[in-house]
Every structure is written in structure tokens, then in C-alpha cells.
Amino acid sequence: MSNNTISSVLASLAILFTLSSTAQAQSVFDRCLSQLAANDLVSAKASAKMIKRMRGTSGDNIPKAEDCLSGAFGETYLFDLDTGKIVTEAEVISQDNLKAEAAARKASASAREQRLQDSIQAAEILTVRTCFSLYRKDTEAAILNPVCNRLFMQIGLPDD
């Protein structure tokens, strides 16, 4: 067999496997909803457990999965966009709360950083004013002052 033939056969098998898996997944969702409608909670829970383990639920299957899990387990299940999973409403709320807390911590840290930067800027301005004032009153004392000397070396002497 040539490489093209092998590739073609493998591609066909992959498509058949995907279609089979999709059809099987589709039947699990519908089967669970039928079991719930028939009040067969034991079978519905088994189907719901299978759905819960599945990855990549999408499209029309999302609301079916939510309804199946909610009905079988007695609590509200929702599709979480962040994780791509169907989780309990409590988990979604918990994740939302964690995100809100993280955002609040970040905002608080940003506010602290801004206050620190404002304080540093105020200290720098006050130092410049004080050194300039000292320079005008006593040039020699200002030049010999270690803080003012370092400042004058960086920005130069004040204009008279």
C-alpha cells in the first residue's frame, strides 16, 4: 500500500470514530433526559456521571447536559465559559467570588503602590525646595549638606 492509501484509510477511520463518538455522546444526553422524564433517577444519575466525565461538551449538548446533571443530582449545573466544563452553580459563584477577591487585592495593591509613589514624589519635591531654600540662605551649608550635595550633583545648582 502506498503512503497516500494508508493516509486515506487512517483519515476515514478517524472520521468514522469521531462520528461514532459524537453519536454516542448525543445519545447519552438524550438518554439521560428521557430517563429523567420517566422518573428513572438511578439510570439518570449513571448517565449524568458519564456526562460529567466527558470533555468538550458543546453546542446543543450544553443545555442538555445542564438539564441532565441538574435533574439527576438535584442542584443547578451551569456551563462555565472560563473552564469549558459543566459545574455546579455553587462552583461558579465560588469562582466568581475568588475572581472578585483577586481583583480587589490587585486594586488595593495598585492603590498602595500609587500612594507610595505619591509620597516619594512629595518627599523629592520637599527635598528640592528645602535644599534650594538652604542654598539661598547659606550656600556653603547647602553644598556641604550630604542630601543637598547629592541633589545638586544630579540636577545642578539652583538659579539665583
C-alpha atoms as a PDB file:
ATOM      1  CA  MET A   1       0.000   0.000   0.000  1.00  0.00           C
ATOM      2  CA  SER A   2       1.205   3.464  -0.776  1.00  0.00           C
ATOM      3  CA  ASN A   3       1.517   6.224   1.810  1.00  0.00           C
ATOM      4  CA  ASN A   4      -1.427   8.061   0.230  1.00  0.00           C
ATOM      5  CA  THR A   5      -3.647   4.993   0.548  1.00  0.00           C
ATOM      6  CA  ILE A   6      -2.648   4.447   4.184  1.00  0.00           C
ATOM      7  CA  SER A   7      -3.252   8.111   4.945  1.00  0.00           C
ATOM      8  CA  SER A   8      -6.627   7.946   3.249  1.00  0.00           C
ATOM      9  CA  VAL A   9      -7.667   4.839   5.229  1.00  0.00           C
ATOM     10  CA  LEU A  10      -6.489   6.402   8.506  1.00  0.00           C
ATOM     11  CA  ALA A  11      -8.392   9.606   7.768  1.00  0.00           C
ATOM     12  CA  SER A  12     -11.550   7.612   7.027  1.00  0.00           C
ATOM     13  CA  LEU A  13     -11.195   5.652  10.256  1.00  0.00           C
ATOM     14  CA  ALA A  14     -10.678   8.857  12.223  1.00  0.00           C
ATOM     15  CA  ILE A  15     -13.831  10.371  10.712  1.00  0.00           C
ATOM     16  CA  LEU A  16     -15.847   7.224  11.475  1.00  0.00           C
ATOM     17  CA  PHE A  17     -14.539   7.146  15.043  1.00  0.00           C
ATOM     18  CA  THR A  18     -15.386  10.839  15.533  1.00  0.00           C
ATOM     19  CA  LEU A  19     -18.882  10.369  14.119  1.00  0.00           C
ATOM     20  CA  SER A  20     -19.417   7.314  16.303  1.00  0.00           C
ATOM     21  CA  SER A  21     -18.207   9.152  19.425  1.00  0.00           C
ATOM     22  CA  THR A  22     -20.394  12.161  18.609  1.00  0.00           C
ATOM     23  CA  ALA A  23     -23.435   9.960  18.045  1.00  0.00           C
ATOM     24  CA  GLN A  24     -22.744   8.060  21.252  1.00  0.00           C
ATOM     25  CA  ALA A  25     -22.327  11.307  23.184  1.00  0.00           C
ATOM     26  CA  GLN A  26     -25.518  12.637  21.654  1.00  0.00           C
ATOM     27  CA  SER A  27     -27.385   9.526  22.781  1.00  0.00           C
ATOM     28  CA  VAL A  28     -26.062   9.870  26.357  1.00  0.00           C
ATOM     29  CA  PHE A  29     -27.543  13.367  26.634  1.00  0.00           C
ATOM     30  CA  ASP A  30     -30.884  12.355  25.147  1.00  0.00           C
ATOM     31  CA  ARG A  31     -30.946   9.105  27.122  1.00  0.00           C
ATOM     32  CA  CYS A  32     -30.392  10.985  30.389  1.00  0.00           C
ATOM     33  CA  LEU A  33     -33.203  13.436  29.638  1.00  0.00           C
ATOM     34  CA  SER A  34     -35.521  10.525  28.740  1.00  0.00           C
ATOM     35  CA  GLN A  35     -34.593   8.768  31.979  1.00  0.00           C
ATOM     36  CA  LEU A  36     -35.395  11.921  33.948  1.00  0.00           C
ATOM     37  CA  ALA A  37     -38.727  12.270  32.129  1.00  0.00           C
ATOM     38  CA  ALA A  38     -39.521   8.665  33.078  1.00  0.00           C
ATOM     39  CA  ASN A  39     -38.509   9.363  36.721  1.00  0.00           C
ATOM     40  CA  ASP A  40     -35.749   6.734  36.447  1.00  0.00           C
ATOM     41  CA  LEU A  41     -33.378   8.617  38.739  1.00  0.00           C
ATOM     42  CA  VAL A  42     -30.937   5.711  39.213  1.00  0.00           C
ATOM     43  CA  SER A  43     -30.318   5.402  35.454  1.00  0.00           C
ATOM     44  CA  ALA A  44     -30.317   9.192  35.017  1.00  0.00           C
ATOM     45  CA  LYS A  45     -27.600   9.511  37.694  1.00  0.00           C
ATOM     46  CA  ALA A  46     -25.500   6.891  35.897  1.00  0.00           C
ATOM     47  CA  SER A  47     -25.876   8.791  32.616  1.00  0.00           C
ATOM     48  CA  ALA A  48     -25.168  12.090  34.394  1.00  0.00           C
ATOM     49  CA  LYS A  49     -21.951  10.681  35.879  1.00  0.00           C
ATOM     50  CA  MET A  50     -20.873   9.661  32.384  1.00  0.00           C
ATOM     51  CA  ILE A  51     -21.664  13.153  31.059  1.00  0.00           C
ATOM     52  CA  LYS A  52     -19.784  14.748  33.944  1.00  0.00           C
ATOM     53  CA  ARG A  53     -16.625  12.838  32.962  1.00  0.00           C
ATOM     54  CA  MET A  54     -16.908  13.870  29.298  1.00  0.00           C
ATOM     55  CA  ARG A  55     -14.712  16.592  27.852  1.00  0.00           C
ATOM     56  CA  GLY A  56     -15.587  19.037  25.103  1.00  0.00           C
ATOM     57  CA  THR A  57     -19.357  19.323  25.525  1.00  0.00           C
ATOM     58  CA  SER A  58     -20.537  21.915  23.032  1.00  0.00           C
ATOM     59  CA  GLY A  59     -23.428  23.295  21.030  1.00  0.00           C
ATOM     60  CA  ASP A  60     -26.893  21.887  21.661  1.00  0.00           C
ATOM     61  CA  ASN A  61     -25.468  19.394  24.135  1.00  0.00           C
ATOM     62  CA  ILE A  62     -24.623  22.094  26.695  1.00  0.00           C
ATOM     63  CA  PRO A  63     -28.219  22.811  27.775  1.00  0.00           C
ATOM     64  CA  LYS A  64     -28.982  19.077  27.668  1.00  0.00           C
ATOM     65  CA  ALA A  65     -26.009  18.359  29.925  1.00  0.00           C
ATOM     66  CA  GLU A  66     -27.017  21.175  32.300  1.00  0.00           C
ATOM     67  CA  ASP A  67     -30.578  19.842  32.498  1.00  0.00           C
ATOM     68  CA  CYS A  68     -29.441  16.245  32.919  1.00  0.00           C
ATOM     69  CA  LEU A  69     -26.946  16.969  35.699  1.00  0.00           C
ATOM     70  CA  SER A  70     -29.313  19.389  37.443  1.00  0.00           C
ATOM     71  CA  GLY A  71     -32.170  16.889  37.349  1.00  0.00           C
ATOM     72  CA  ALA A  72     -30.078  13.881  38.337  1.00  0.00           C
ATOM     73  CA  PHE A  73     -28.131  15.481  41.176  1.00  0.00           C
ATOM     74  CA  GLY A  74     -30.731  17.942  42.456  1.00  0.00           C
ATOM     75  CA  GLU A  75     -28.661  21.096  42.195  1.00  0.00           C
ATOM     76  CA  THR A  76     -28.218  23.639  39.445  1.00  0.00           C
ATOM     77  CA  TYR A  77     -25.434  22.911  36.964  1.00  0.00           C
ATOM     78  CA  LEU A  78     -24.140  25.536  34.519  1.00  0.00           C
ATOM     79  CA  PHE A  79     -21.628  25.654  31.693  1.00  0.00           C
ATOM     80  CA  ASP A  80     -18.610  27.626  32.876  1.00  0.00           C
ATOM     81  CA  LEU A  81     -17.092  29.561  29.975  1.00  0.00           C
ATOM     82  CA  ASP A  82     -13.779  30.003  31.783  1.00  0.00           C
ATOM     83  CA  THR A  83     -13.155  26.288  32.288  1.00  0.00           C
ATOM     84  CA  GLY A  84     -15.283  24.874  29.469  1.00  0.00           C
ATOM     85  CA  LYS A  85     -16.854  22.476  31.960  1.00  0.00           C
ATOM     86  CA  ILE A  86     -20.315  21.993  33.343  1.00  0.00           C
ATOM     87  CA  VAL A  87     -20.126  22.715  37.062  1.00  0.00           C
ATOM     88  CA  THR A  88     -22.492  23.423  39.922  1.00  0.00           C
ATOM     89  CA  GLU A  89     -23.857  26.910  40.345  1.00  0.00           C
ATOM     90  CA  ALA A  90     -22.106  26.987  43.731  1.00  0.00           C
ATOM     91  CA  GLU A  91     -18.765  26.352  41.995  1.00  0.00           C
ATOM     92  CA  VAL A  92     -19.439  29.177  39.533  1.00  0.00           C
ATOM     93  CA  ILE A  93     -20.328  31.539  42.394  1.00  0.00           C
ATOM     94  CA  SER A  94     -17.243  30.432  44.324  1.00  0.00           C
ATOM     95  CA  GLN A  95     -15.021  31.061  41.283  1.00  0.00           C
ATOM     96  CA  ASP A  96     -16.665  34.444  40.731  1.00  0.00           C
ATOM     97  CA  ASN A  97     -16.041  35.330  44.380  1.00  0.00           C
ATOM     98  CA  LEU A  98     -12.394  34.270  44.093  1.00  0.00           C
ATOM     99  CA  LYS A  99     -12.018  36.417  40.962  1.00  0.00           C
ATOM    100  CA  ALA A 100     -13.631  39.385  42.726  1.00  0.00           C
ATOM    101  CA  GLU A 101     -11.328  38.945  45.721  1.00  0.00           C
ATOM    102  CA  ALA A 102      -8.286  38.749  43.442  1.00  0.00           C
ATOM    103  CA  ALA A 103      -9.398  41.887  41.604  1.00  0.00           C
ATOM    104  CA  ALA A 104      -9.915  43.682  44.938  1.00  0.00           C
ATOM    105  CA  ARG A 105      -6.437  42.616  46.120  1.00  0.00           C
ATOM    106  CA  LYS A 106      -4.953  43.838  42.850  1.00  0.00           C
ATOM    107  CA  ALA A 107      -6.784  47.172  43.130  1.00  0.00           C
ATOM    108  CA  SER A 108      -5.655  47.523  46.754  1.00  0.00           C
ATOM    109  CA  ALA A 109      -2.040  46.781  45.804  1.00  0.00           C
ATOM    110  CA  SER A 110      -2.261  49.307  42.959  1.00  0.00           C
ATOM    111  CA  ALA A 111      -3.671  51.914  45.335  1.00  0.00           C
ATOM    112  CA  ARG A 112      -0.858  51.233  47.854  1.00  0.00           C
ATOM    113  CA  GLU A 113       1.723  51.498  45.081  1.00  0.00           C
ATOM    114  CA  GLN A 114       0.200  54.778  43.908  1.00  0.00           C
ATOM    115  CA  ARG A 115       0.222  56.190  47.470  1.00  0.00           C
ATOM    116  CA  LEU A 116       3.864  55.159  47.820  1.00  0.00           C
ATOM    117  CA  GLN A 117       4.773  56.799  44.512  1.00  0.00           C
ATOM    118  CA  ASP A 118       2.873  59.964  45.510  1.00  0.00           C
ATOM    119  CA  SER A 119       4.680  60.001  48.862  1.00  0.00           C
ATOM    120  CA  ILE A 120       8.076  59.553  47.201  1.00  0.00           C
ATOM    121  CA  GLN A 121       7.303  62.344  44.744  1.00  0.00           C
ATOM    122  CA  ALA A 122       6.187  64.638  47.588  1.00  0.00           C
ATOM    123  CA  ALA A 123       9.406  63.865  49.505  1.00  0.00           C
ATOM    124  CA  GLU A 124      11.505  64.598  46.415  1.00  0.00           C
ATOM    125  CA  ILE A 125       9.745  67.930  45.849  1.00  0.00           C
ATOM    126  CA  LEU A 126      10.097  68.873  49.520  1.00  0.00           C
ATOM    127  CA  THR A 127      13.801  67.934  49.452  1.00  0.00           C
ATOM    128  CA  VAL A 128      14.413  70.093  46.359  1.00  0.00           C
ATOM    129  CA  ARG A 129      12.569  73.053  47.902  1.00  0.00           C
ATOM    130  CA  THR A 130      14.399  72.671  51.212  1.00  0.00           C
ATOM    131  CA  CYS A 131      17.826  72.405  49.590  1.00  0.00           C
ATOM    132  CA  PHE A 132      17.122  75.355  47.288  1.00  0.00           C
ATOM    133  CA  SER A 133      15.940  77.406  50.263  1.00  0.00           C
ATOM    134  CA  LEU A 134      19.037  76.443  52.251  1.00  0.00           C
ATOM    135  CA  TYR A 135      21.224  77.322  49.239  1.00  0.00           C
ATOM    136  CA  ARG A 136      19.687  80.804  49.073  1.00  0.00           C
ATOM    137  CA  LYS A 137      20.211  81.343  52.818  1.00  0.00           C
ATOM    138  CA  ASP A 138      23.605  79.659  53.242  1.00  0.00           C
ATOM    139  CA  THR A 139      25.318  78.440  50.079  1.00  0.00           C
ATOM    140  CA  GLU A 140      28.189  76.766  51.915  1.00  0.00           C
ATOM    141  CA  ALA A 141      25.892  74.831  54.277  1.00  0.00           C
ATOM    142  CA  ALA A 142      23.759  73.667  51.346  1.00  0.00           C
ATOM    143  CA  ILE A 143      26.799  72.468  49.369  1.00  0.00           C
ATOM    144  CA  LEU A 144      28.213  70.605  52.395  1.00  0.00           C
ATOM    145  CA  ASN A 145      24.865  69.023  53.304  1.00  0.00           C
ATOM    146  CA  PRO A 146      25.082  65.390  52.033  1.00  0.00           C
ATOM    147  CA  VAL A 147      21.460  65.255  50.836  1.00  0.00           C
ATOM    148  CA  CYS A 148      21.596  68.631  49.109  1.00  0.00           C
ATOM    149  CA  ASN A 149      25.040  67.907  47.663  1.00  0.00           C
ATOM    150  CA  ARG A 150      23.795  64.676  46.060  1.00  0.00           C
ATOM    151  CA  LEU A 151      20.735  66.544  44.747  1.00  0.00           C
ATOM    152  CA  PHE A 152      22.826  69.392  43.287  1.00  0.00           C
ATOM    153  CA  MET A 153      25.148  66.844  41.647  1.00  0.00           C
ATOM    154  CA  GLN A 154      22.126  65.303  39.911  1.00  0.00           C
ATOM    155  CA  ILE A 155      20.119  68.389  38.912  1.00  0.00           C
ATOM    156  CA  GLY A 156      22.622  71.203  39.214  1.00  0.00           C
ATOM    157  CA  LEU A 157      22.699  74.305  41.405  1.00  0.00           C
ATOM    158  CA  PRO A 158      19.623  76.478  41.674  1.00  0.00           C
ATOM    159  CA  ASP A 159      19.413  79.573  39.520  1.00  0.00           C
ATOM    160  CA  ASP A 160      19.809  82.755  41.526  1.00  0.00           C
END
